[in-house]
Amino acid sequence: MILRCAIIDDEPLALGLLESYVKKTPFLQLVGSYSSAVQAMKEIPEQKVELLFLDIQMPELNGLEYSKTVDSRTRIIFTTAFDQYAIDGYRVNALDYLLKPISYTDFLQAVDKALKWFELSQKTEEKTSIFVKSDYKLVQIELKNILYIEGLKDYIKIYVEGTPKPILSLMSMKAMEELLPSSKFMRVHRSFIVQKDKIRVIDRGRIVFDKTYIPISDSYKQTFQEFLDERS
């Protein structure tokens, strides 16, 4: 597997160092190198980028702010001179962070983690069914039959076509989201994941399944709009 990657860093020396690391790593392909997040905003959307090395401290638009605009399919590795930013990095779903000055050993450990994540993600995309624990039993569910999933504290409800009652399982929404292929399912709210191909009606910013109205929260509206634009 080859990962297409880009680098954003306003320090020329740091930018050059990361470029050299990428070029000598066999499974990485550099498709863009930028000295500011503003510059990257204009050019990155035109390219498919799986992995982004993103500096945090930058003028005009910092890395944390920019990360919120990045495609949900792109994984981020933050690069920073300040380790207190590590926690913030994970809050915006960063895969890892590298503390400057960055050694090639640390760089390689981070990109190996990224490679394993994408390999696992690819296997997830090939799934046709999943097993979940419900009432002390393992229940197999065909992915094509799932309408949506609702999160309720420590439990989830899986709503399946042709089944009068949802399947109740003791697991988190995050764990469920990781089980599902992102090409078929999308999270639209802290408490809801929906199957893209099952969406038939959208009423005043809510997805309608029979008599259930599923809200789309502000943090997922951009991703949802991109999905709608692709289907238009």
Protein backbone atom coordinates (compact mmCIF):
# COMPACT_ATOMS: atom_id res chain seq x y z
CA MET A 1 0.00 0.00 0.00
CA ILE A 2 1.24 3.49 -0.92
CA LEU A 3 0.03 6.44 1.19
CA ARG A 4 -0.26 9.79 -0.57
CA CYS A 5 0.84 12.50 1.85
CA ALA A 6 1.28 16.25 2.21
CA ILE A 7 3.25 18.45 4.60
CA ILE A 8 2.29 21.84 6.05
CA ASP A 9 4.95 23.68 8.06
CA ASP A 10 5.97 27.34 8.08
CA GLU A 11 9.58 26.53 9.13
CA PRO A 12 11.71 25.89 5.99
CA LEU A 13 14.15 23.60 7.84
CA ALA A 14 11.34 21.49 9.33
CA LEU A 15 9.59 21.34 5.95
CA GLY A 16 12.78 20.21 4.22
CA LEU A 17 13.49 17.59 6.87
CA LEU A 18 10.02 16.06 6.60
CA GLU A 19 10.26 16.07 2.80
CA SER A 20 13.51 14.09 3.02
CA TYR A 21 11.95 11.61 5.47
CA VAL A 22 8.93 11.07 3.21
CA LYS A 23 11.09 10.57 0.12
CA LYS A 24 13.18 7.84 1.74
CA THR A 25 10.19 5.95 3.13
CA PRO A 26 9.10 3.38 0.48
CA PHE A 27 5.36 3.37 1.24
CA LEU A 28 4.95 7.18 1.23
CA GLN A 29 4.37 9.40 -1.81
CA LEU A 30 4.68 13.17 -1.42
CA VAL A 31 1.96 15.01 -3.35
CA GLY A 32 2.22 18.45 -1.75
CA SER A 33 4.46 20.57 0.48
CA TYR A 34 3.18 23.89 1.86
CA SER A 35 4.59 26.70 4.00
CA SER A 36 1.17 27.77 5.32
CA ALA A 37 -2.27 26.36 6.01
CA VAL A 38 -3.81 29.12 3.88
CA GLN A 39 -1.77 27.97 0.87
CA ALA A 40 -2.73 24.34 1.54
CA MET A 41 -6.44 25.20 1.71
CA LYS A 42 -6.30 26.32 -1.92
CA GLU A 43 -4.44 23.29 -3.27
CA ILE A 44 -5.01 20.19 -1.11
CA PRO A 45 -8.75 19.81 -1.91
CA GLU A 46 -7.75 19.16 -5.54
CA GLN A 47 -5.71 16.12 -4.54
CA LYS A 48 -6.36 12.88 -2.71
CA VAL A 49 -4.30 12.94 0.50
CA GLU A 50 -4.36 10.01 2.90
CA LEU A 51 -1.79 11.31 5.40
CA LEU A 52 -1.12 14.91 6.44
CA PHE A 53 1.88 16.11 8.46
CA LEU A 54 0.60 19.29 10.06
CA ASP A 55 2.49 21.89 12.10
CA ILE A 56 0.47 23.42 14.92
CA GLN A 57 2.06 26.82 15.48
CA MET A 58 1.58 28.77 12.23
CA PRO A 59 0.57 32.37 11.48
CA GLU A 60 -2.85 33.30 10.03
CA LEU A 61 -4.35 29.83 10.51
CA ASN A 62 -2.86 27.37 13.00
CA GLY A 63 -2.79 23.62 12.58
CA LEU A 64 -5.56 22.88 15.07
CA GLU A 65 -7.91 25.27 13.28
CA TYR A 66 -6.96 23.95 9.85
CA SER A 67 -7.40 20.32 10.93
CA LYS A 68 -11.13 20.91 11.35
CA THR A 69 -11.42 21.62 7.61
CA VAL A 70 -9.56 18.49 6.49
CA ASP A 71 -11.40 15.68 4.67
CA SER A 72 -12.59 13.07 7.17
CA ARG A 73 -10.77 10.34 5.21
CA THR A 74 -7.39 12.04 5.73
CA ARG A 75 -5.37 11.02 8.80
CA ILE A 76 -3.35 13.72 10.56
CA ILE A 77 0.05 13.52 12.25
CA PHE A 78 0.74 16.76 14.10
CA THR A 79 4.28 18.14 14.26
CA THR A 80 5.00 20.54 17.11
CA ALA A 81 7.69 21.94 19.38
CA PHE A 82 5.24 22.03 22.30
CA ASP A 83 4.19 18.73 23.83
CA GLN A 84 1.22 20.28 25.65
CA TYR A 85 -0.51 20.28 22.27
CA ALA A 86 -0.58 16.47 22.22
CA ILE A 87 -3.91 16.30 24.04
CA ASP A 88 -5.45 18.88 21.71
CA GLY A 89 -4.22 16.82 18.78
CA TYR A 90 -6.13 13.76 19.88
CA ARG A 91 -9.26 15.85 20.45
CA VAL A 92 -9.37 16.57 16.73
CA ASN A 93 -8.82 12.91 15.88
CA ALA A 94 -5.10 13.07 15.11
CA LEU A 95 -3.49 9.71 14.46
CA ASP A 96 -0.27 10.73 16.21
CA TYR A 97 1.97 13.69 16.98
CA LEU A 98 5.72 14.22 16.53
CA LEU A 99 7.74 16.44 18.84
CA LYS A 100 10.37 18.65 17.18
CA PRO A 101 13.24 18.15 16.50
CA ILE A 102 11.88 15.05 14.76
CA SER A 103 14.15 12.03 14.37
CA TYR A 104 13.66 9.58 11.53
CA THR A 105 13.06 6.80 14.07
CA ASP A 106 10.12 8.69 15.61
CA PHE A 107 8.85 9.60 12.14
CA LEU A 108 8.96 5.96 11.05
CA GLN A 109 7.06 4.79 14.12
CA ALA A 110 4.28 7.31 13.42
CA VAL A 111 3.95 6.45 9.71
CA ASP A 112 4.02 2.72 10.49
CA LYS A 113 1.03 3.35 12.75
CA ALA A 114 -0.65 5.17 9.85
CA LEU A 115 0.06 2.32 7.45
CA LYS A 116 -1.46 -0.23 9.85
CA TRP A 117 -4.52 2.01 10.29
CA PHE A 118 -5.09 2.18 6.52
CA GLU A 119 -4.51 -1.56 6.06
CA LEU A 120 -7.08 -2.28 8.77
CA SER A 121 -9.44 0.27 7.23
CA GLN A 122 -9.13 -1.46 3.85
CA LYS A 123 -10.05 -4.81 5.41
CA THR A 124 -13.05 -3.13 7.07
CA GLU A 125 -14.21 -1.86 3.66
CA GLU A 126 -14.33 -5.47 2.39
CA LYS A 127 -16.68 -6.69 5.13
CA THR A 128 -20.20 -7.81 4.27
CA SER A 129 -21.32 -8.60 7.83
CA ILE A 130 -20.37 -8.06 11.47
CA PHE A 131 -20.90 -9.92 14.74
CA VAL A 132 -22.17 -8.04 17.80
CA LYS A 133 -22.89 -9.29 21.29
CA SER A 134 -26.55 -9.08 22.28
CA ASP A 135 -28.21 -10.83 25.25
CA TYR A 136 -25.09 -12.96 25.88
CA LYS A 137 -25.14 -14.17 22.26
CA LEU A 138 -23.12 -13.22 19.22
CA VAL A 139 -25.46 -12.06 16.47
CA GLN A 140 -24.39 -11.80 12.84
CA ILE A 141 -25.76 -8.76 11.01
CA GLU A 142 -25.57 -8.22 7.26
CA LEU A 143 -24.25 -4.73 6.66
CA LYS A 144 -26.54 -4.17 3.68
CA ASN A 145 -29.58 -4.50 5.98
CA ILE A 146 -28.58 -1.89 8.58
CA LEU A 147 -30.57 1.35 8.43
CA TYR A 148 -28.95 3.28 11.28
CA ILE A 149 -27.35 2.96 14.71
CA GLU A 150 -28.36 4.94 17.77
CA GLY A 151 -26.07 5.47 20.78
CA LEU A 152 -27.50 5.34 24.32
CA LYS A 153 -24.77 5.90 26.93
CA ASP A 154 -23.00 2.50 27.16
CA TYR A 155 -25.34 0.77 24.70
CA ILE A 156 -26.18 1.03 21.03
CA LYS A 157 -29.37 0.16 19.14
CA ILE A 158 -28.90 -1.27 15.64
CA TYR A 159 -31.96 -0.78 13.44
CA VAL A 160 -32.18 -3.45 10.74
CA GLU A 161 -34.56 -3.69 7.78
CA GLY A 162 -37.27 -6.32 8.25
CA THR A 163 -36.65 -6.55 12.00
CA PRO A 164 -39.41 -5.11 14.23
CA LYS A 165 -37.13 -4.35 17.18
CA PRO A 166 -33.60 -2.95 17.16
CA ILE A 167 -30.67 -5.14 18.22
CA LEU A 168 -29.32 -3.92 21.55
CA SER A 169 -25.59 -4.28 22.22
CA LEU A 170 -23.27 -3.21 25.03
CA MET A 171 -20.63 -1.24 23.12
CA SER A 172 -19.68 2.34 22.38
CA MET A 173 -20.53 4.32 19.25
CA LYS A 174 -16.81 4.76 18.61
CA ALA A 175 -16.25 0.98 18.66
CA MET A 176 -19.20 0.48 16.32
CA GLU A 177 -18.00 3.20 13.96
CA GLU A 178 -14.62 1.46 13.68
CA LEU A 179 -16.35 -1.80 12.72
CA LEU A 180 -18.25 -0.23 9.84
CA PRO A 181 -16.83 0.62 6.38
CA SER A 182 -16.71 4.40 5.96
CA SER A 183 -17.62 4.05 2.28
CA LYS A 184 -21.08 2.82 3.35
CA PHE A 185 -21.73 4.40 6.74
CA MET A 186 -21.34 7.90 8.12
CA ARG A 187 -21.73 9.51 11.50
CA VAL A 188 -24.11 12.46 11.44
CA HIS A 189 -24.50 13.09 15.17
CA ARG A 190 -22.85 12.09 18.44
CA SER A 191 -25.69 9.57 18.85
CA PHE A 192 -26.33 8.44 15.26
CA ILE A 193 -24.59 6.57 12.43
CA VAL A 194 -26.53 6.03 9.20
CA GLN A 195 -26.07 3.87 6.12
CA LYS A 196 -25.59 6.23 3.17
CA ASP A 197 -27.51 4.17 0.62
CA LYS A 198 -30.55 3.93 2.91
CA ILE A 199 -31.09 7.69 3.07
CA ARG A 200 -34.25 8.47 1.11
CA VAL A 201 -35.78 11.54 2.75
CA ILE A 202 -34.22 14.66 4.29
CA ASP A 203 -36.68 17.03 5.97
CA ARG A 204 -35.48 20.41 7.24
CA GLY A 205 -31.96 19.22 7.90
CA ARG A 206 -32.98 15.88 9.41
CA ILE A 207 -32.74 12.38 7.96
CA VAL A 208 -36.08 10.55 8.01
CA PHE A 209 -36.42 6.80 8.54
CA ASP A 210 -40.15 5.97 8.72
CA LYS A 211 -41.29 7.99 11.77
CA THR A 212 -37.80 8.62 13.14
CA TYR A 213 -36.13 11.98 12.51
CA ILE A 214 -32.35 11.89 12.86
CA PRO A 215 -30.65 15.26 13.49
CA ILE A 216 -27.41 16.29 11.78
CA SER A 217 -25.20 18.09 14.29
CA ASP A 218 -23.13 21.14 13.36
CA SER A 219 -19.82 19.24 13.55
CA TYR A 220 -20.99 16.80 10.85
CA LYS A 221 -22.90 19.18 8.57
CA GLN A 222 -19.96 19.89 6.24
CA THR A 223 -19.20 16.18 5.74
CA PHE A 224 -22.89 15.45 5.17
CA GLN A 225 -23.18 18.26 2.61
CA GLU A 226 -20.13 16.88 0.77
CA PHE A 227 -21.87 13.49 0.68
CA LEU A 228 -25.02 15.11 -0.77
CA ASP A 229 -22.97 17.02 -3.36
CA GLU A 230 -21.36 13.76 -4.50
CA ARG A 231 -24.81 12.22 -5.01
CA SER A 232 -26.27 15.24 -6.83
